[in-house]
Protein backbone atom coordinates (compact mmCIF):
# COMPACT_ATOMS: atom_id res chain seq x y z
CA MET A 1 -3.42 26.35 6.61
CA TYR A 2 -3.50 23.40 9.00
CA LYS A 3 0.01 21.98 9.32
CA ILE A 4 0.53 18.45 10.58
CA THR A 5 3.21 18.91 13.24
CA LYS A 6 4.60 16.47 15.78
CA GLU A 7 2.56 18.37 18.42
CA ALA A 8 -0.63 18.01 16.35
CA ILE A 9 -0.11 14.21 16.20
CA GLU A 10 0.50 14.07 19.97
CA GLN A 11 -2.63 16.16 20.63
CA ALA A 12 -4.69 13.94 18.31
CA HIS A 13 -3.44 10.86 20.16
CA ALA A 14 -4.47 12.32 23.53
CA ARG A 15 -7.85 13.37 22.07
CA ILE A 16 -8.80 9.98 20.63
CA GLN A 17 -7.32 7.68 23.31
CA PRO A 18 -10.55 7.33 25.32
CA TYR A 19 -12.35 6.11 22.16
CA ILE A 20 -9.86 3.67 20.61
CA HIS A 21 -7.90 0.52 21.50
CA ARG A 22 -4.15 0.61 21.81
CA THR A 23 -3.77 -2.36 19.49
CA PRO A 24 -1.15 -5.04 20.11
CA VAL A 25 2.09 -5.44 18.15
CA LEU A 26 2.68 -9.10 17.23
CA THR A 27 5.61 -10.94 15.74
CA ASN A 28 5.66 -14.46 14.34
CA GLN A 29 8.72 -16.69 14.18
CA SER A 30 7.67 -18.76 11.17
CA ILE A 31 6.73 -15.68 9.11
CA ASN A 32 10.06 -14.07 10.13
CA GLU A 33 11.88 -17.14 8.82
CA ILE A 34 10.00 -16.99 5.51
CA ALA A 35 10.63 -13.23 5.19
CA GLY A 36 14.29 -13.45 6.21
CA THR A 37 13.88 -10.61 8.71
CA GLU A 38 12.09 -9.65 11.92
CA LEU A 39 8.59 -8.33 11.23
CA PHE A 40 6.42 -6.52 13.78
CA PHE A 41 2.71 -6.35 12.98
CA LYS A 42 0.65 -3.43 14.30
CA CYS A 43 -2.75 -5.12 14.57
CA GLU A 44 -5.33 -2.50 13.60
CA ASN A 45 -7.56 -5.42 12.59
CA LEU A 46 -8.17 -5.63 16.38
CA GLN A 47 -9.06 -1.93 16.55
CA LYS A 48 -12.58 -0.66 17.39
CA ILE A 49 -14.70 -0.95 14.20
CA GLY A 50 -12.05 -3.43 13.01
CA ALA A 51 -9.77 -0.91 11.28
CA PHE A 52 -7.33 1.98 11.76
CA LYS A 53 -9.91 4.36 10.24
CA ILE A 54 -11.42 5.04 13.69
CA ARG A 55 -8.28 7.08 14.50
CA GLY A 56 -8.71 9.67 11.73
CA GLY A 57 -12.51 9.68 11.80
CA MET A 58 -12.63 10.16 15.55
CA ASN A 59 -9.95 12.88 15.52
CA ALA A 60 -11.83 14.82 12.82
CA ALA A 61 -15.19 14.50 14.62
CA LEU A 62 -13.71 15.46 18.00
CA SER A 63 -12.10 18.53 16.39
CA LEU A 64 -15.55 19.96 15.51
CA THR A 65 -17.34 22.56 17.63
CA PRO A 66 -20.73 21.59 19.17
CA GLU A 67 -22.26 24.06 16.70
CA LYS A 68 -20.74 22.20 13.71
CA LEU A 69 -21.62 18.79 15.16
CA LYS A 70 -25.31 19.48 15.64
CA ASN A 71 -26.23 19.02 11.95
CA GLY A 72 -24.43 15.69 11.83
CA ILE A 73 -21.39 14.41 9.95
CA ALA A 74 -21.25 12.99 6.44
CA THR A 75 -18.86 11.02 4.27
CA HIS A 76 -18.52 8.65 1.33
CA SER A 77 -16.71 5.34 1.84
CA SER A 78 -16.76 1.71 0.76
CA GLY A 79 -16.59 0.57 4.34
CA ASN A 80 -14.03 1.18 7.06
CA HIS A 81 -14.13 5.00 7.10
CA ALA A 82 -17.92 4.74 6.87
CA GLN A 83 -17.88 2.69 10.06
CA ALA A 84 -15.52 5.16 11.73
CA ILE A 85 -17.81 8.11 11.02
CA ALA A 86 -20.93 6.15 12.00
CA TYR A 87 -19.26 5.12 15.27
CA ALA A 88 -18.01 8.67 15.97
CA ALA A 89 -21.50 10.09 15.42
CA LYS A 90 -23.04 7.51 17.76
CA VAL A 91 -20.48 8.23 20.50
CA LEU A 92 -20.88 12.02 20.13
CA GLY A 93 -24.68 11.88 19.95
CA THR A 94 -25.13 13.24 16.43
CA LYS A 95 -26.37 11.95 13.07
CA ALA A 96 -24.17 10.22 10.47
CA TYR A 97 -24.97 10.32 6.73
CA ILE A 98 -22.95 7.80 4.76
CA VAL A 99 -22.74 7.37 0.99
CA MET A 100 -21.61 3.85 0.09
CA PRO A 101 -21.02 2.28 -3.34
CA SER A 102 -23.60 -0.37 -4.23
CA THR A 103 -20.73 -2.91 -4.36
CA SER A 104 -19.65 -2.40 -0.71
CA PRO A 105 -19.11 -5.66 1.24
CA SER A 106 -22.20 -6.59 3.25
CA VAL A 107 -20.13 -6.99 6.44
CA LYS A 108 -19.25 -3.28 6.23
CA VAL A 109 -22.76 -2.14 5.24
CA ASN A 110 -24.29 -4.05 8.18
CA ALA A 111 -21.77 -2.58 10.61
CA VAL A 112 -22.54 0.97 9.44
CA LYS A 113 -26.27 0.30 9.87
CA GLY A 114 -25.54 -1.16 13.29
CA TYR A 115 -24.13 2.16 14.47
CA GLY A 116 -27.38 3.87 13.44
CA ALA A 117 -26.11 5.76 10.39
CA GLU A 118 -28.29 6.69 7.42
CA ILE A 119 -26.89 5.03 4.27
CA THR A 120 -27.34 6.26 0.70
CA PHE A 121 -26.11 3.85 -1.99
CA CYS A 122 -24.53 5.10 -5.22
CA GLU A 123 -22.82 3.81 -8.36
CA PRO A 124 -19.31 2.49 -7.58
CA ASN A 125 -17.31 5.46 -8.89
CA GLN A 126 -15.82 8.61 -7.38
CA ALA A 127 -18.07 11.07 -9.25
CA ALA A 128 -21.24 9.33 -8.02
CA ARG A 129 -19.94 9.27 -4.43
CA GLU A 130 -19.09 12.97 -4.47
CA ALA A 131 -22.39 14.03 -6.06
CA ALA A 132 -24.44 11.99 -3.57
CA VAL A 133 -22.60 13.31 -0.51
CA GLN A 134 -22.79 16.92 -1.76
CA LYS A 135 -26.59 16.59 -2.12
CA ILE A 136 -26.80 15.38 1.52
CA ILE A 137 -24.60 18.23 2.78
CA ASP A 138 -26.71 20.79 0.88
CA GLU A 139 -29.91 19.36 2.39
CA THR A 140 -28.77 18.78 5.98
CA GLY A 141 -25.85 21.13 6.67
CA ALA A 142 -23.82 18.13 7.87
CA GLU A 143 -20.04 18.51 8.20
CA PHE A 144 -18.15 16.55 5.54
CA ILE A 145 -15.26 14.38 6.75
CA HIS A 146 -13.32 13.07 3.75
CA PRO A 147 -11.92 9.52 4.09
CA TYR A 148 -8.34 10.72 3.55
CA ASP A 149 -8.15 14.18 1.93
CA ASP A 150 -8.43 15.93 5.31
CA PHE A 151 -5.57 17.02 7.56
CA ARG A 152 -7.56 16.12 10.71
CA VAL A 153 -7.98 12.58 9.38
CA ILE A 154 -4.32 12.22 8.33
CA THR A 155 -3.20 13.47 11.76
CA GLY A 156 -5.37 10.84 13.45
CA GLN A 157 -3.97 8.08 11.22
CA ALA A 158 -0.42 9.13 12.20
CA THR A 159 -1.13 7.98 15.79
CA CYS A 160 -0.91 4.37 14.59
CA VAL A 161 2.80 4.49 13.73
CA LYS A 162 3.38 6.57 16.89
CA GLU A 163 2.14 3.63 19.00
CA LEU A 164 4.10 1.11 16.92
CA LEU A 165 7.37 3.02 17.42
CA GLU A 166 6.73 3.48 21.13
CA GLU A 167 6.51 -0.31 21.34
CA VAL A 168 9.39 -1.17 18.96
CA PRO A 169 11.62 1.94 18.82
CA ASP A 170 14.48 0.32 16.88
CA LEU A 171 12.55 -0.42 13.68
CA ARG A 172 14.49 0.42 10.52
CA ALA A 173 11.52 0.32 8.12
CA VAL A 174 7.72 0.54 8.21
CA VAL A 175 5.40 -0.68 5.44
CA ALA A 176 1.77 0.42 5.06
CA PRO A 177 -0.89 -0.22 2.42
CA VAL A 178 -1.89 2.62 0.09
CA GLY A 179 -5.35 3.46 -1.24
CA GLY A 180 -6.24 7.13 -0.84
CA GLY A 181 -3.06 7.68 1.14
CA GLY A 182 -4.47 8.82 4.51
CA LEU A 183 -2.78 6.04 6.49
CA LEU A 184 0.38 6.15 4.37
CA SER A 185 0.85 9.93 4.58
CA GLY A 186 0.13 9.83 8.34
CA THR A 187 2.64 6.99 8.70
CA CYS A 188 5.24 8.97 6.72
CA LEU A 189 4.84 12.04 8.94
CA GLY A 190 4.60 10.14 12.24
CA ALA A 191 7.74 8.11 11.47
CA HIS A 192 9.60 11.20 10.21
CA TYR A 193 8.94 13.17 13.41
CA ILE A 194 9.87 10.27 15.71
CA ASN A 195 12.93 9.04 13.81
CA PRO A 196 13.77 10.53 10.38
CA ALA A 197 16.12 7.59 9.67
CA ILE A 198 13.19 5.14 9.43
CA GLU A 199 12.40 4.15 5.85
CA VAL A 200 8.69 4.12 4.98
CA TYR A 201 7.46 1.97 2.08
CA ALA A 202 4.01 1.18 0.67
CA GLY A 203 2.35 -1.89 -0.80
CA GLU A 204 -0.23 -1.43 -3.55
CA PRO A 205 -2.33 -3.94 -5.53
CA GLU A 206 -1.51 -4.31 -9.24
CA GLY A 207 -5.26 -4.06 -9.82
CA ALA A 208 -5.44 -0.53 -8.37
CA ALA A 209 -2.00 0.83 -9.25
CA ASP A 210 -2.54 4.59 -9.21
CA ALA A 211 -0.28 5.62 -6.29
CA ILE A 212 2.86 4.25 -7.93
CA LEU A 213 2.13 6.30 -11.08
CA SER A 214 1.36 9.44 -9.03
CA PHE A 215 4.49 8.93 -6.92
CA LYS A 216 6.61 8.85 -10.07
CA SER A 217 4.93 11.64 -12.03
CA GLY A 218 4.19 14.07 -9.18
CA LYS A 219 0.54 14.50 -10.13
CA VAL A 220 -2.57 12.54 -9.13
CA GLU A 221 -2.98 9.72 -11.65
CA LYS A 222 -5.69 7.11 -12.17
CA ALA A 223 -5.00 3.38 -12.19
CA PRO A 224 -4.88 1.84 -15.70
CA TYR A 225 -7.55 -0.63 -14.48
CA VAL A 226 -9.24 -1.43 -11.16
CA LYS A 227 -9.74 -5.08 -10.31
CA THR A 228 -8.45 -6.47 -7.03
CA ILE A 229 -9.60 -8.40 -3.96
CA ALA A 230 -8.13 -5.56 -1.86
CA ASP A 231 -11.40 -3.59 -1.89
CA GLY A 232 -10.15 -1.02 0.64
CA LEU A 233 -7.36 0.19 -1.67
CA MET A 234 -9.28 1.10 -4.82
CA THR A 235 -9.28 4.88 -4.28
CA THR A 236 -6.81 7.35 -5.79
CA LEU A 237 -4.49 9.66 -3.87
CA SER A 238 -5.37 13.32 -3.28
CA GLU A 239 -3.09 16.33 -3.84
CA GLN A 240 -2.53 16.54 -0.07
CA THR A 241 -1.67 12.89 0.50
CA LEU A 242 0.52 12.80 -2.62
CA SER A 243 2.57 15.83 -1.54
CA ILE A 244 3.32 14.24 1.87
CA ILE A 245 4.08 10.84 0.33
CA ARG A 246 6.44 12.26 -2.30
CA GLU A 247 8.39 14.11 0.37
CA HIS A 248 8.82 11.21 2.81
CA LEU A 249 8.19 7.83 1.14
CA LYS A 250 11.06 5.62 -0.05
CA ASP A 251 9.13 3.49 -2.56
CA ILE A 252 5.90 1.73 -3.53
CA PHE A 253 5.79 -1.97 -4.40
CA LEU A 254 3.06 -3.58 -6.50
CA VAL A 255 1.66 -7.03 -5.64
CA SER A 256 -0.73 -9.30 -7.55
CA ASP A 257 -3.97 -10.72 -6.17
CA GLU A 258 -2.26 -14.14 -6.05
CA GLU A 259 0.48 -12.67 -3.84
CA ILE A 260 -2.16 -11.00 -1.66
CA LYS A 261 -3.98 -14.34 -1.26
CA ALA A 262 -0.71 -16.08 -0.31
CA ALA A 263 0.00 -13.44 2.36
CA LEU A 264 -3.59 -13.70 3.60
CA LYS A 265 -3.27 -17.47 3.95
CA LEU A 266 0.04 -17.08 5.78
CA VAL A 267 -1.44 -14.68 8.36
CA TYR A 268 -4.51 -16.88 8.90
CA GLU A 269 -2.50 -20.08 9.26
CA ARG A 270 0.50 -18.80 11.22
CA MET A 271 -0.84 -15.85 13.25
CA LYS A 272 -4.44 -17.05 13.78
CA ILE A 273 -5.90 -13.56 13.37
CA VAL A 274 -8.65 -12.28 11.07
CA VAL A 275 -7.43 -9.78 8.46
CA GLU A 276 -8.90 -8.41 5.22
CA PRO A 277 -7.08 -8.60 1.87
CA SER A 278 -6.13 -4.89 1.82
CA CYS A 279 -4.47 -5.37 5.17
CA VAL A 280 -1.85 -7.91 4.04
CA VAL A 281 -0.69 -5.99 0.95
CA PRO A 282 2.36 -4.64 2.89
CA LEU A 283 3.31 -8.18 3.96
CA ALA A 284 2.97 -9.38 0.35
CA ALA A 285 5.24 -6.47 -0.69
CA VAL A 286 7.92 -7.45 1.86
CA LEU A 287 7.80 -11.12 0.82
CA LYS A 288 8.16 -10.10 -2.84
CA ASN A 289 11.18 -7.87 -2.05
CA LYS A 290 12.99 -9.98 0.55
CA GLU A 291 16.47 -8.82 -0.45
CA LEU A 292 15.59 -5.18 0.33
CA PHE A 293 14.24 -6.01 3.81
CA ALA A 294 16.76 -8.76 4.71
CA GLY A 295 17.98 -8.22 8.27
CA LYS A 296 16.11 -4.89 8.44
CA LYS A 297 13.76 -4.89 11.46
CA THR A 298 10.45 -3.91 9.83
CA GLY A 299 7.04 -2.80 11.06
CA ILE A 300 3.94 -3.74 9.10
CA ILE A 301 0.64 -1.98 9.62
CA LEU A 302 -2.20 -4.51 9.44
CA SER A 303 -4.88 -1.98 8.56
CA GLY A 304 -8.13 -3.87 9.18
CA GLY A 305 -10.04 -7.09 9.63
CA ASN A 306 -13.53 -6.46 8.26
CA VAL A 307 -13.87 -9.56 6.12
CA ASP A 308 -16.82 -10.81 4.14
CA LEU A 309 -16.59 -14.46 5.26
CA THR A 310 -18.58 -15.66 2.23
CA ARG A 311 -15.54 -14.86 0.05
CA PHE A 312 -13.22 -17.31 1.80
CA SER A 313 -13.88 -20.12 -0.65
CA GLU A 314 -12.98 -17.81 -3.55
CA TRP A 315 -9.70 -16.71 -1.92
CA PHE A 316 -8.54 -20.08 -0.61
CA GLN A 317 -9.53 -22.54 -3.33
């Protein structure tokens, strides 16, 4: 059984450093005034491939033996993990097989193609993704790297909060978005090992509210309905991510698409950086729960910036 230890996170960080950016941590006075507290943004939107996913994908790929790597690596993903695996395969000189839902944003599909991966499109549901990727693995012998239900991936994602806390060691809280829970569970463990007093929270869209149900019930639940502009957060937790989250997470806050759009607009106008809707869900959660975060120095993980620019008019009408 692979256990995610503090040492494993440190080793993953050393392993992936040559392949990733150490992304900046930004703060913004006008957003701090609106939030009523000091916020520190870990800008994974400025990461290679435009998202934190490179950390976990790269760590998993670099953990494979040359023997395992030679048949290629495979995954299913709506975008950012797909890019991470495609990029990792290109860097390591092997083949990437990516299953993507037919509804994936074109900006993410084009990026995956750009790294030379072979894309198979499927119906936009979990069963179709899993069936398509299994067929590829059976045919090619490629190594499957799950977007979040993989300890190597979670360990890689934990390096993000490690860097944030090296930069701002006196944070009292950290907020991350939650989809499948890879980033959130990695953030929980990374923060716990560095400073167990840090409170970790999650933001989740109302239109993909499965994690909050799972967190309360203790078993993996499905969202009552899935409809949100935060396309990166539509997946459900796994048993592994849920068990870590239940042990270390303080709470999950739901936000509406309108609140996500308001946070998106705020980041664009005040910080002048490109972020995707999923990425600002933690900021929307803090703004909705100001009394909880008042005067509590808080880190926010901005998870990615792979935006379909054609959707701007729809978001900012």
